[in-house]
C-alpha cells in the first residue's frame, strides 16, 4: 500500500530540517532510513531534497511511504470481519468471536490478519498487517489496524502513552460493587503457556476500572463497563476472577465453565466464550489529529445474557 502526505510549512516549523520536522510528525528513524534510497520519497517544492535540508515558511513538503509487498508470513484467507470505519490511514475492525489476531502454528490461516490481507489483495493492494490494540481470540469488538507505517508509528506511541481509550462491556458472575479500580500486577501462571494470574512479586502493573451498569437478579450476574489503563494479557478476565466475579462463559478463569477449548459446551453454560466485548474506542486520528469515537454493537450471544 502506498500513501502520500503533503505538509504546508508555516512560520512555527521554518528553520528546522526535514528530518526533525518528520520526526515530530511521528516518523520513526526506521521509516526515514527506508525512504532515503527513493528519490521520489521526499520532495520539497516538487524537487528531491535530503533530510538535512532546512525548511522555510511557505514550503510544500511531500513524502511517500509504501509497502511494495504484503506481509510475507500471512497467507490471504477468507476470514470474516466487520468494518466499522476506513480511510487512507486506519481501518477500524469489529472482530467476531473465535478469531485470533495473528497467525500461529495452531491457527496459520484463520486469523484476522489473514482476512484483512485477503481484503486488500482482492483490491490489488499490497498490505502489511499492523494491528495496534489486541483482543483475545474469543473477545469480540473493536480493533485498530494501521494502513501505513506512519499511522502505525503514531498509534503505537499513543497506545504506549495511554492515549487510546478502550471501553469494554462484560457480564460477570455475582453482584459486584457499584464501581471500583483493580490495581494488581499480572504475570504468567506457573507451568502454563496460556493462563495468567495476579502476581505481586513478578507481575507487571495492571490497572482496570469497572462500573456496574445493571444487575441481573434472575441469573445473579452483573453487567459491567470496564476501562483499561494498561493492556496485559487476559487483564479483565484475571482481575474480575481475582475479585470473585469471573466472567460468564470464561473457560480459563470461571470455575463453573472450566473445560478444554475443543470440548462441547454444556447445555447449562449460558455462553460458549467469555462474555467480553470491546465496546468503545476513543483516540486521536494519527494523521488528521481529529478526535475519533467508535462503538461496536453488542454481539448476539451477549445480548441473550442481557
C-alpha atoms as a PDB file:
ATOM      1  CA  UNK A   1       0.000   0.000   0.000  1.00  0.00           C
ATOM      2  CA  UNK A   2       1.256   3.481  -0.863  1.00  0.00           C
ATOM      3  CA  UNK A   3       0.433   6.735   0.931  1.00  0.00           C
ATOM      4  CA  UNK A   4       1.434  10.299   0.064  1.00  0.00           C
ATOM      5  CA  UNK A   5       1.489  13.051   2.691  1.00  0.00           C
ATOM      6  CA  UNK A   6       1.564  16.783   1.958  1.00  0.00           C
ATOM      7  CA  UNK A   7       2.704  19.352   4.522  1.00  0.00           C
ATOM      8  CA  UNK A   8       2.482  23.118   4.152  1.00  0.00           C
ATOM      9  CA  UNK A   9       5.264  24.657   6.200  1.00  0.00           C
ATOM     10  CA  UNK A  10       4.245  27.515   8.450  1.00  0.00           C
ATOM     11  CA  UNK A  11       6.229  30.001  10.450  1.00  0.00           C
ATOM     12  CA  UNK A  12       6.431  27.753  13.501  1.00  0.00           C
ATOM     13  CA  UNK A  13       8.182  24.976  11.553  1.00  0.00           C
ATOM     14  CA  UNK A  14      10.503  27.159   9.469  1.00  0.00           C
ATOM     15  CA  UNK A  15      14.199  26.812  10.172  1.00  0.00           C
ATOM     16  CA  UNK A  16      14.279  23.148  11.174  1.00  0.00           C
ATOM     17  CA  UNK A  17      15.466  20.459   8.784  1.00  0.00           C
ATOM     18  CA  UNK A  18      13.215  17.890   7.091  1.00  0.00           C
ATOM     19  CA  UNK A  19      14.400  15.067   9.339  1.00  0.00           C
ATOM     20  CA  UNK A  20      13.469  16.923  12.527  1.00  0.00           C
ATOM     21  CA  UNK A  21      10.110  18.004  11.108  1.00  0.00           C
ATOM     22  CA  UNK A  22       9.150  14.455  10.098  1.00  0.00           C
ATOM     23  CA  UNK A  23      10.259  13.058  13.440  1.00  0.00           C
ATOM     24  CA  UNK A  24       7.820  15.484  15.088  1.00  0.00           C
ATOM     25  CA  UNK A  25       5.093  14.139  12.816  1.00  0.00           C
ATOM     26  CA  UNK A  26       5.693  10.624  14.148  1.00  0.00           C
ATOM     27  CA  UNK A  27       8.000   9.140  11.501  1.00  0.00           C
ATOM     28  CA  UNK A  28      10.341   6.627  13.111  1.00  0.00           C
ATOM     29  CA  UNK A  29      14.051   6.532  12.320  1.00  0.00           C
ATOM     30  CA  UNK A  30      13.426   3.244  10.532  1.00  0.00           C
ATOM     31  CA  UNK A  31      10.836   4.839   8.230  1.00  0.00           C
ATOM     32  CA  UNK A  32      13.120   7.774   7.420  1.00  0.00           C
ATOM     33  CA  UNK A  33      16.025   5.426   6.718  1.00  0.00           C
ATOM     34  CA  UNK A  34      13.867   3.325   4.370  1.00  0.00           C
ATOM     35  CA  UNK A  35      12.899   6.451   2.401  1.00  0.00           C
ATOM     36  CA  UNK A  36      16.467   7.518   1.606  1.00  0.00           C
ATOM     37  CA  UNK A  37      17.085   5.249  -1.441  1.00  0.00           C
ATOM     38  CA  UNK A  38      13.926   6.505  -3.185  1.00  0.00           C
ATOM     39  CA  UNK A  39      14.430   9.962  -4.753  1.00  0.00           C
ATOM     40  CA  UNK A  40      10.662  10.440  -5.009  1.00  0.00           C
ATOM     41  CA  UNK A  41      10.048   9.700  -1.318  1.00  0.00           C
ATOM     42  CA  UNK A  42      10.842  13.252  -0.164  1.00  0.00           C
ATOM     43  CA  UNK A  43      10.024  16.217  -2.395  1.00  0.00           C
ATOM     44  CA  UNK A  44      10.390  19.829  -1.322  1.00  0.00           C
ATOM     45  CA  UNK A  45       8.509  22.189  -3.629  1.00  0.00           C
ATOM     46  CA  UNK A  46       8.456  19.419  -6.222  1.00  0.00           C
ATOM     47  CA  UNK A  47      12.196  18.659  -6.099  1.00  0.00           C
ATOM     48  CA  UNK A  48      14.027  15.842  -4.321  1.00  0.00           C
ATOM     49  CA  UNK A  49      15.530  17.020  -1.053  1.00  0.00           C
ATOM     50  CA  UNK A  50      17.821  15.497   1.536  1.00  0.00           C
ATOM     51  CA  UNK A  51      16.763  15.047   5.154  1.00  0.00           C
ATOM     52  CA  UNK A  52      19.128  17.772   6.386  1.00  0.00           C
ATOM     53  CA  UNK A  53      17.657  20.408   4.070  1.00  0.00           C
ATOM     54  CA  UNK A  54      16.190  23.320   6.083  1.00  0.00           C
ATOM     55  CA  UNK A  55      12.536  24.245   5.720  1.00  0.00           C
ATOM     56  CA  UNK A  56      11.239  27.750   5.032  1.00  0.00           C
ATOM     57  CA  UNK A  57       7.816  29.278   5.575  1.00  0.00           C
ATOM     58  CA  UNK A  58       5.620  28.626   2.547  1.00  0.00           C
ATOM     59  CA  UNK A  59       7.450  25.437   1.506  1.00  0.00           C
ATOM     60  CA  UNK A  60       5.407  22.404   0.479  1.00  0.00           C
ATOM     61  CA  UNK A  61       6.865  19.102   1.618  1.00  0.00           C
ATOM     62  CA  UNK A  62       5.571  15.885   0.073  1.00  0.00           C
ATOM     63  CA  UNK A  63       6.529  12.445   1.383  1.00  0.00           C
ATOM     64  CA  UNK A  64       5.675   8.998   0.098  1.00  0.00           C
ATOM     65  CA  UNK A  65       5.709   5.784   2.107  1.00  0.00           C
ATOM     66  CA  UNK A  66       4.906   2.426   0.590  1.00  0.00           C
ATOM     67  CA  UNK A  67       4.731  -1.290   1.272  1.00  0.00           C
ATOM     68  CA  UNK A  68       5.577  -2.878  -2.092  1.00  0.00           C
ATOM     69  CA  UNK A  69       4.704  -6.397  -0.901  1.00  0.00           C
ATOM     70  CA  UNK A  70       2.217  -7.833   1.592  1.00  0.00           C
ATOM     71  CA  UNK A  71       3.110  -9.428   4.927  1.00  0.00           C
ATOM     72  CA  UNK A  72       5.179 -12.452   3.918  1.00  0.00           C
ATOM     73  CA  UNK A  73       4.085 -14.614   6.867  1.00  0.00           C
ATOM     74  CA  UNK A  74       0.336 -14.029   6.460  1.00  0.00           C
ATOM     75  CA  UNK A  75      -1.494 -16.067   3.808  1.00  0.00           C
ATOM     76  CA  UNK A  76      -4.624 -14.391   2.395  1.00  0.00           C
ATOM     77  CA  UNK A  77      -7.675 -16.379   3.542  1.00  0.00           C
ATOM     78  CA  UNK A  78     -11.458 -15.790   3.714  1.00  0.00           C
ATOM     79  CA  UNK A  79     -11.825 -14.920   7.396  1.00  0.00           C
ATOM     80  CA  UNK A  80     -14.898 -12.736   8.077  1.00  0.00           C
ATOM     81  CA  UNK A  81     -14.717  -9.467   9.992  1.00  0.00           C
ATOM     82  CA  UNK A  82     -16.754  -6.272  10.182  1.00  0.00           C
ATOM     83  CA  UNK A  83     -15.534  -2.871   9.025  1.00  0.00           C
ATOM     84  CA  UNK A  84     -16.606  -0.020  11.286  1.00  0.00           C
ATOM     85  CA  UNK A  85     -14.503   2.707   9.633  1.00  0.00           C
ATOM     86  CA  UNK A  86     -11.872   3.045   6.939  1.00  0.00           C
ATOM     87  CA  UNK A  87      -9.880   5.888   5.410  1.00  0.00           C
ATOM     88  CA  UNK A  88      -6.388   6.239   3.910  1.00  0.00           C
ATOM     89  CA  UNK A  89      -4.644   5.683   7.233  1.00  0.00           C
ATOM     90  CA  UNK A  90      -6.682   3.433   9.503  1.00  0.00           C
ATOM     91  CA  UNK A  91      -9.089   0.519   9.416  1.00  0.00           C
ATOM     92  CA  UNK A  92     -11.326   0.044  12.463  1.00  0.00           C
ATOM     93  CA  UNK A  93     -12.478  -3.563  12.636  1.00  0.00           C
ATOM     94  CA  UNK A  94     -15.304  -5.248  14.556  1.00  0.00           C
ATOM     95  CA  UNK A  95     -13.794  -8.675  15.297  1.00  0.00           C
ATOM     96  CA  UNK A  96     -16.065 -11.694  15.764  1.00  0.00           C
ATOM     97  CA  UNK A  97     -15.600 -14.342  18.442  1.00  0.00           C
ATOM     98  CA  UNK A  98     -13.347 -17.300  17.653  1.00  0.00           C
ATOM     99  CA  UNK A  99     -10.908 -15.253  15.560  1.00  0.00           C
ATOM    100  CA  UNK A 100      -7.310 -14.800  16.675  1.00  0.00           C
ATOM    101  CA  UNK A 101      -5.421 -11.654  15.658  1.00  0.00           C
ATOM    102  CA  UNK A 102      -2.203 -13.087  14.197  1.00  0.00           C
ATOM    103  CA  UNK A 103      -1.343 -16.448  12.618  1.00  0.00           C
ATOM    104  CA  UNK A 104       0.374 -19.076  14.763  1.00  0.00           C
ATOM    105  CA  UNK A 105       1.315 -22.717  14.392  1.00  0.00           C
ATOM    106  CA  UNK A 106      -2.068 -23.781  15.764  1.00  0.00           C
ATOM    107  CA  UNK A 107      -4.037 -21.384  13.521  1.00  0.00           C
ATOM    108  CA  UNK A 108      -1.996 -20.370  10.442  1.00  0.00           C
ATOM    109  CA  UNK A 109      -4.849 -19.259   8.174  1.00  0.00           C
ATOM    110  CA  UNK A 110      -7.966 -18.493  10.211  1.00  0.00           C
ATOM    111  CA  UNK A 111      -6.996 -15.178  11.831  1.00  0.00           C
ATOM    112  CA  UNK A 112      -7.962 -11.564  11.418  1.00  0.00           C
ATOM    113  CA  UNK A 113      -4.613 -10.918   9.733  1.00  0.00           C
ATOM    114  CA  UNK A 114      -5.406 -13.481   7.024  1.00  0.00           C
ATOM    115  CA  UNK A 115      -8.800 -11.917   6.384  1.00  0.00           C
ATOM    116  CA  UNK A 116      -7.510  -8.330   6.207  1.00  0.00           C
ATOM    117  CA  UNK A 117      -4.664  -9.250   3.836  1.00  0.00           C
ATOM    118  CA  UNK A 118      -7.178 -11.018   1.565  1.00  0.00           C
ATOM    119  CA  UNK A 119      -9.480  -7.979   1.696  1.00  0.00           C
ATOM    120  CA  UNK A 120      -6.731  -5.809   0.196  1.00  0.00           C
ATOM    121  CA  UNK A 121      -5.410  -8.482  -2.151  1.00  0.00           C
ATOM    122  CA  UNK A 122      -8.862  -8.572  -3.763  1.00  0.00           C
ATOM    123  CA  UNK A 123      -8.408  -4.839  -4.427  1.00  0.00           C
ATOM    124  CA  UNK A 124      -4.948  -5.414  -5.913  1.00  0.00           C
ATOM    125  CA  UNK A 125      -3.244  -3.644  -2.985  1.00  0.00           C
ATOM    126  CA  UNK A 126      -0.136  -4.995  -1.195  1.00  0.00           C
ATOM    127  CA  UNK A 127      -0.778  -4.794   2.540  1.00  0.00           C
ATOM    128  CA  UNK A 128       1.334  -5.170   5.668  1.00  0.00           C
ATOM    129  CA  UNK A 129      -0.858  -6.123   8.624  1.00  0.00           C
ATOM    130  CA  UNK A 130      -0.240  -3.757  11.578  1.00  0.00           C
ATOM    131  CA  UNK A 131      -2.795  -4.281  14.348  1.00  0.00           C
ATOM    132  CA  UNK A 132      -2.491  -1.648  17.087  1.00  0.00           C
ATOM    133  CA  UNK A 133      -4.518  -2.982  20.017  1.00  0.00           C
ATOM    134  CA  UNK A 134      -5.079  -6.635  20.859  1.00  0.00           C
ATOM    135  CA  UNK A 135      -8.023  -8.845  21.804  1.00  0.00           C
ATOM    136  CA  UNK A 136      -8.187 -12.462  22.936  1.00  0.00           C
ATOM    137  CA  UNK A 137      -9.439 -14.899  20.326  1.00  0.00           C
ATOM    138  CA  UNK A 138     -12.928 -15.142  21.857  1.00  0.00           C
ATOM    139  CA  UNK A 139     -13.281 -11.479  22.817  1.00  0.00           C
ATOM    140  CA  UNK A 140     -15.354  -9.551  20.302  1.00  0.00           C
ATOM    141  CA  UNK A 141     -15.309  -5.938  19.200  1.00  0.00           C
ATOM    142  CA  UNK A 142     -13.191  -3.033  18.081  1.00  0.00           C
ATOM    143  CA  UNK A 143      -9.589  -3.101  16.882  1.00  0.00           C
ATOM    144  CA  UNK A 144      -7.462  -0.522  15.062  1.00  0.00           C
ATOM    145  CA  UNK A 145      -5.400  -1.605  12.056  1.00  0.00           C
ATOM    146  CA  UNK A 146      -2.860   0.907  10.705  1.00  0.00           C
ATOM    147  CA  UNK A 147      -2.787   1.100   6.907  1.00  0.00           C
ATOM    148  CA  UNK A 148       0.708   2.542   6.584  1.00  0.00           C
ATOM    149  CA  UNK A 149       3.934   2.754   8.549  1.00  0.00           C
ATOM    150  CA  UNK A 150       3.453   6.383   9.616  1.00  0.00           C
ATOM    151  CA  UNK A 151      -0.019   5.912  11.104  1.00  0.00           C
ATOM    152  CA  UNK A 152       1.269   2.760  12.777  1.00  0.00           C
ATOM    153  CA  UNK A 153       4.132   4.628  14.475  1.00  0.00           C
ATOM    154  CA  UNK A 154       1.851   7.405  15.704  1.00  0.00           C
ATOM    155  CA  UNK A 155      -0.786   4.997  17.023  1.00  0.00           C
ATOM    156  CA  UNK A 156       1.752   2.727  18.712  1.00  0.00           C
ATOM    157  CA  UNK A 157       3.109   5.740  20.564  1.00  0.00           C
ATOM    158  CA  UNK A 158      -0.422   6.795  21.506  1.00  0.00           C
ATOM    159  CA  UNK A 159      -1.046   3.300  22.879  1.00  0.00           C
ATOM    160  CA  UNK A 160       2.131   3.421  24.961  1.00  0.00           C
ATOM    161  CA  UNK A 161       1.147   6.871  26.235  1.00  0.00           C
ATOM    162  CA  UNK A 162      -2.334   5.595  27.162  1.00  0.00           C
ATOM    163  CA  UNK A 163      -3.983   7.983  24.713  1.00  0.00           C
ATOM    164  CA  UNK A 164      -6.086   5.244  23.107  1.00  0.00           C
ATOM    165  CA  UNK A 165      -9.052   4.782  25.425  1.00  0.00           C
ATOM    166  CA  UNK A 166     -10.723   1.374  25.387  1.00  0.00           C
ATOM    167  CA  UNK A 167     -14.079   0.680  26.993  1.00  0.00           C
ATOM    168  CA  UNK A 168     -15.312  -2.902  27.384  1.00  0.00           C
ATOM    169  CA  UNK A 169     -18.666  -4.469  28.168  1.00  0.00           C
ATOM    170  CA  UNK A 170     -18.684  -7.652  30.241  1.00  0.00           C
ATOM    171  CA  UNK A 171     -21.054  -9.922  32.127  1.00  0.00           C
ATOM    172  CA  UNK A 172     -19.614 -11.173  35.424  1.00  0.00           C
ATOM    173  CA  UNK A 173     -20.848 -13.683  37.965  1.00  0.00           C
ATOM    174  CA  UNK A 174     -22.471 -12.328  41.129  1.00  0.00           C
ATOM    175  CA  UNK A 175     -23.237  -8.796  42.256  1.00  0.00           C
ATOM    176  CA  UNK A 176     -20.180  -6.530  42.072  1.00  0.00           C
ATOM    177  CA  UNK A 177     -19.566  -3.235  43.792  1.00  0.00           C
ATOM    178  CA  UNK A 178     -21.096  -0.222  42.047  1.00  0.00           C
ATOM    179  CA  UNK A 179     -17.657   0.788  40.829  1.00  0.00           C
ATOM    180  CA  UNK A 180     -14.037   0.121  41.599  1.00  0.00           C
ATOM    181  CA  UNK A 181     -10.437   0.033  40.450  1.00  0.00           C
ATOM    182  CA  UNK A 182      -8.222  -3.049  40.443  1.00  0.00           C
ATOM    183  CA  UNK A 183      -4.525  -2.145  40.583  1.00  0.00           C
ATOM    184  CA  UNK A 184      -2.787  -5.523  40.787  1.00  0.00           C
ATOM    185  CA  UNK A 185       0.158  -6.841  38.749  1.00  0.00           C
ATOM    186  CA  UNK A 186      -0.371  -9.733  36.354  1.00  0.00           C
ATOM    187  CA  UNK A 187       2.114 -12.421  35.362  1.00  0.00           C
ATOM    188  CA  UNK A 188       2.183 -15.798  33.675  1.00  0.00           C
ATOM    189  CA  UNK A 189       0.878 -18.670  35.802  1.00  0.00           C
ATOM    190  CA  UNK A 190       3.486 -21.291  36.690  1.00  0.00           C
ATOM    191  CA  UNK A 191       3.738 -24.177  34.229  1.00  0.00           C
ATOM    192  CA  UNK A 192       1.191 -22.634  31.851  1.00  0.00           C
ATOM    193  CA  UNK A 193       1.729 -21.082  28.433  1.00  0.00           C
ATOM    194  CA  UNK A 194      -1.721 -19.500  28.381  1.00  0.00           C
ATOM    195  CA  UNK A 195      -3.041 -18.678  31.840  1.00  0.00           C
ATOM    196  CA  UNK A 196      -2.204 -15.508  33.747  1.00  0.00           C
ATOM    197  CA  UNK A 197      -2.667 -14.681  37.402  1.00  0.00           C
ATOM    198  CA  UNK A 198      -2.258 -11.857  39.884  1.00  0.00           C
ATOM    199  CA  UNK A 199       1.450 -11.942  40.739  1.00  0.00           C
ATOM    200  CA  UNK A 200       2.515  -9.300  43.247  1.00  0.00           C
ATOM    201  CA  UNK A 201       6.154 -10.425  43.144  1.00  0.00           C
ATOM    202  CA  UNK A 202       6.975 -10.825  39.452  1.00  0.00           C
ATOM    203  CA  UNK A 203       3.947  -9.475  37.558  1.00  0.00           C
ATOM    204  CA  UNK A 204       3.645  -6.289  35.524  1.00  0.00           C
ATOM    205  CA  UNK A 205       1.405  -3.497  36.757  1.00  0.00           C
ATOM    206  CA  UNK A 206      -2.183  -3.758  35.545  1.00  0.00           C
ATOM    207  CA  UNK A 207      -4.999  -1.287  36.232  1.00  0.00           C
ATOM    208  CA  UNK A 208      -8.673  -1.933  35.469  1.00  0.00           C
ATOM    209  CA  UNK A 209     -11.568   0.421  36.254  1.00  0.00           C
ATOM    210  CA  UNK A 210     -15.083  -1.007  36.348  1.00  0.00           C
ATOM    211  CA  UNK A 211     -18.615   0.302  36.838  1.00  0.00           C
ATOM    212  CA  UNK A 212     -21.816  -1.636  37.400  1.00  0.00           C
ATOM    213  CA  UNK A 213     -24.341  -0.860  34.674  1.00  0.00           C
ATOM    214  CA  UNK A 214     -27.026  -3.355  35.654  1.00  0.00           C
ATOM    215  CA  UNK A 215     -27.580  -6.296  37.968  1.00  0.00           C
ATOM    216  CA  UNK A 216     -29.441  -9.336  36.617  1.00  0.00           C
ATOM    217  CA  UNK A 217     -31.052 -10.897  39.741  1.00  0.00           C
ATOM    218  CA  UNK A 218     -32.646 -13.783  37.843  1.00  0.00           C
ATOM    219  CA  UNK A 219     -29.190 -15.125  36.912  1.00  0.00           C
ATOM    220  CA  UNK A 220     -27.127 -13.410  39.653  1.00  0.00           C
ATOM    221  CA  UNK A 221     -24.845 -11.658  37.173  1.00  0.00           C
ATOM    222  CA  UNK A 222     -23.539  -8.106  36.755  1.00  0.00           C
ATOM    223  CA  UNK A 223     -23.280  -6.143  33.534  1.00  0.00           C
ATOM    224  CA  UNK A 224     -20.101  -4.074  33.701  1.00  0.00           C
ATOM    225  CA  UNK A 225     -18.444  -1.241  31.843  1.00  0.00           C
ATOM    226  CA  UNK A 226     -14.649  -1.508  32.116  1.00  0.00           C
ATOM    227  CA  UNK A 227     -11.785   0.776  31.146  1.00  0.00           C
ATOM    228  CA  UNK A 228      -8.149  -0.228  30.909  1.00  0.00           C
ATOM    229  CA  UNK A 229      -5.131   1.847  31.827  1.00  0.00           C
ATOM    230  CA  UNK A 230      -2.803  -0.983  30.852  1.00  0.00           C
ATOM    231  CA  UNK A 231      -3.082  -3.803  28.346  1.00  0.00           C
ATOM    232  CA  UNK A 232      -1.876  -7.026  29.956  1.00  0.00           C
ATOM    233  CA  UNK A 233      -2.865 -10.392  28.538  1.00  0.00           C
ATOM    234  CA  UNK A 234      -6.256 -11.509  29.932  1.00  0.00           C
ATOM    235  CA  UNK A 235      -6.260  -8.435  32.177  1.00  0.00           C
ATOM    236  CA  UNK A 236     -10.014  -8.010  32.647  1.00  0.00           C
ATOM    237  CA  UNK A 237     -10.582 -11.748  32.962  1.00  0.00           C
ATOM    238  CA  UNK A 238      -7.852 -12.173  35.597  1.00  0.00           C
ATOM    239  CA  UNK A 239      -8.812  -9.103  37.626  1.00  0.00           C
ATOM    240  CA  UNK A 240     -12.511  -9.929  37.770  1.00  0.00           C
ATOM    241  CA  UNK A 241     -11.812 -13.551  38.689  1.00  0.00           C
ATOM    242  CA  UNK A 242      -9.493 -12.346  41.453  1.00  0.00           C
ATOM    243  CA  UNK A 243     -12.353 -10.244  42.853  1.00  0.00           C
ATOM    244  CA  UNK A 244     -14.549 -13.335  42.887  1.00  0.00           C
ATOM    245  CA  UNK A 245     -16.571 -12.250  39.874  1.00  0.00           C
ATOM    246  CA  UNK A 246     -15.239 -14.241  36.883  1.00  0.00           C
ATOM    247  CA  UNK A 247     -16.778 -13.558  33.508  1.00  0.00           C
ATOM    248  CA  UNK A 248     -19.681 -15.676  32.355  1.00  0.00           C
ATOM    249  CA  UNK A 249     -18.528 -18.385  29.977  1.00  0.00           C
ATOM    250  CA  UNK A 250     -14.805 -17.956  30.738  1.00  0.00           C
ATOM    251  CA  UNK A 251     -13.257 -21.402  30.240  1.00  0.00           C
ATOM    252  CA  UNK A 252      -9.961 -20.418  31.881  1.00  0.00           C
ATOM    253  CA  UNK A 253     -10.898 -18.372  34.922  1.00  0.00           C
ATOM    254  CA  UNK A 254     -14.528 -19.213  35.759  1.00  0.00           C
ATOM    255  CA  UNK A 255     -14.669 -22.454  37.817  1.00  0.00           C
ATOM    256  CA  UNK A 256     -18.193 -23.241  36.619  1.00  0.00           C
ATOM    257  CA  UNK A 257     -17.085 -23.141  32.973  1.00  0.00           C
ATOM    258  CA  UNK A 258     -13.696 -24.895  33.057  1.00  0.00           C
ATOM    259  CA  UNK A 259     -13.181 -27.176  30.063  1.00  0.00           C
ATOM    260  CA  UNK A 260     -10.758 -27.698  27.204  1.00  0.00           C
ATOM    261  CA  UNK A 261     -11.174 -25.315  24.218  1.00  0.00           C
ATOM    262  CA  UNK A 262     -12.413 -28.087  21.876  1.00  0.00           C
ATOM    263  CA  UNK A 263     -14.798 -29.713  24.359  1.00  0.00           C
ATOM    264  CA  UNK A 264     -18.527 -29.365  23.638  1.00  0.00           C
ATOM    265  CA  UNK A 265     -20.335 -26.611  25.504  1.00  0.00           C
ATOM    266  CA  UNK A 266     -22.627 -27.999  28.244  1.00  0.00           C
ATOM    267  CA  UNK A 267     -26.309 -27.125  27.936  1.00  0.00           C
ATOM    268  CA  UNK A 268     -26.293 -25.187  31.202  1.00  0.00           C
ATOM    269  CA  UNK A 269     -23.454 -22.858  30.134  1.00  0.00           C
ATOM    270  CA  UNK A 270     -25.037 -19.544  29.066  1.00  0.00           C
ATOM    271  CA  UNK A 271     -22.385 -18.536  26.535  1.00  0.00           C
ATOM    272  CA  UNK A 272     -19.687 -20.500  24.705  1.00  0.00           C
ATOM    273  CA  UNK A 273     -16.919 -17.967  25.423  1.00  0.00           C
ATOM    274  CA  UNK A 274     -16.008 -15.269  27.922  1.00  0.00           C
ATOM    275  CA  UNK A 275     -18.697 -12.575  27.930  1.00  0.00           C
ATOM    276  CA  UNK A 276     -16.344  -9.743  26.999  1.00  0.00           C
ATOM    277  CA  UNK A 277     -16.773  -7.188  24.226  1.00  0.00           C
ATOM    278  CA  UNK A 278     -14.506  -4.343  23.094  1.00  0.00           C
ATOM    279  CA  UNK A 279     -17.352  -1.853  23.051  1.00  0.00           C
ATOM    280  CA  UNK A 280     -15.949   1.639  22.504  1.00  0.00           C
ATOM    281  CA  UNK A 281     -12.738   3.198  21.197  1.00  0.00           C
ATOM    282  CA  UNK A 282     -11.658   6.826  21.584  1.00  0.00           C
ATOM    283  CA  UNK A 283      -8.423   8.159  20.123  1.00  0.00           C
ATOM    284  CA  UNK A 284      -6.930  10.940  18.034  1.00  0.00           C
ATOM    285  CA  UNK A 285      -6.548  10.233  14.324  1.00  0.00           C
ATOM    286  CA  UNK A 286      -2.831   9.639  13.651  1.00  0.00           C
ATOM    287  CA  UNK A 287      -2.642  11.994  10.659  1.00  0.00           C
ATOM    288  CA  UNK A 288      -5.527  14.493  10.795  1.00  0.00           C
ATOM    289  CA  UNK A 289      -5.471  14.951  14.576  1.00  0.00           C
ATOM    290  CA  UNK A 290      -9.258  14.647  14.653  1.00  0.00           C
ATOM    291  CA  UNK A 291     -10.924  13.094  17.720  1.00  0.00           C
ATOM    292  CA  UNK A 292     -12.365   9.692  16.785  1.00  0.00           C
ATOM    293  CA  UNK A 293     -15.093   7.743  18.609  1.00  0.00           C
ATOM    294  CA  UNK A 294     -16.445   4.324  17.666  1.00  0.00           C
ATOM    295  CA  UNK A 295     -18.900   1.868  19.187  1.00  0.00           C
ATOM    296  CA  UNK A 296     -19.480  -1.767  18.224  1.00  0.00           C
ATOM    297  CA  UNK A 297     -22.910  -3.398  18.576  1.00  0.00           C
ATOM    298  CA  UNK A 298     -23.211  -5.983  21.326  1.00  0.00           C
ATOM    299  CA  UNK A 299     -22.955  -9.463  19.713  1.00  0.00           C
ATOM    300  CA  UNK A 300     -25.960 -11.757  19.804  1.00  0.00           C
ATOM    301  CA  UNK A 301     -24.610 -14.258  22.345  1.00  0.00           C
ATOM    302  CA  UNK A 302     -24.040 -11.474  24.880  1.00  0.00           C
ATOM    303  CA  UNK A 303     -27.401  -9.918  24.091  1.00  0.00           C
ATOM    304  CA  UNK A 304     -29.020 -13.178  25.253  1.00  0.00           C
ATOM    305  CA  UNK A 305     -27.302 -12.791  28.624  1.00  0.00           C
ATOM    306  CA  UNK A 306     -28.640  -9.262  28.958  1.00  0.00           C
END
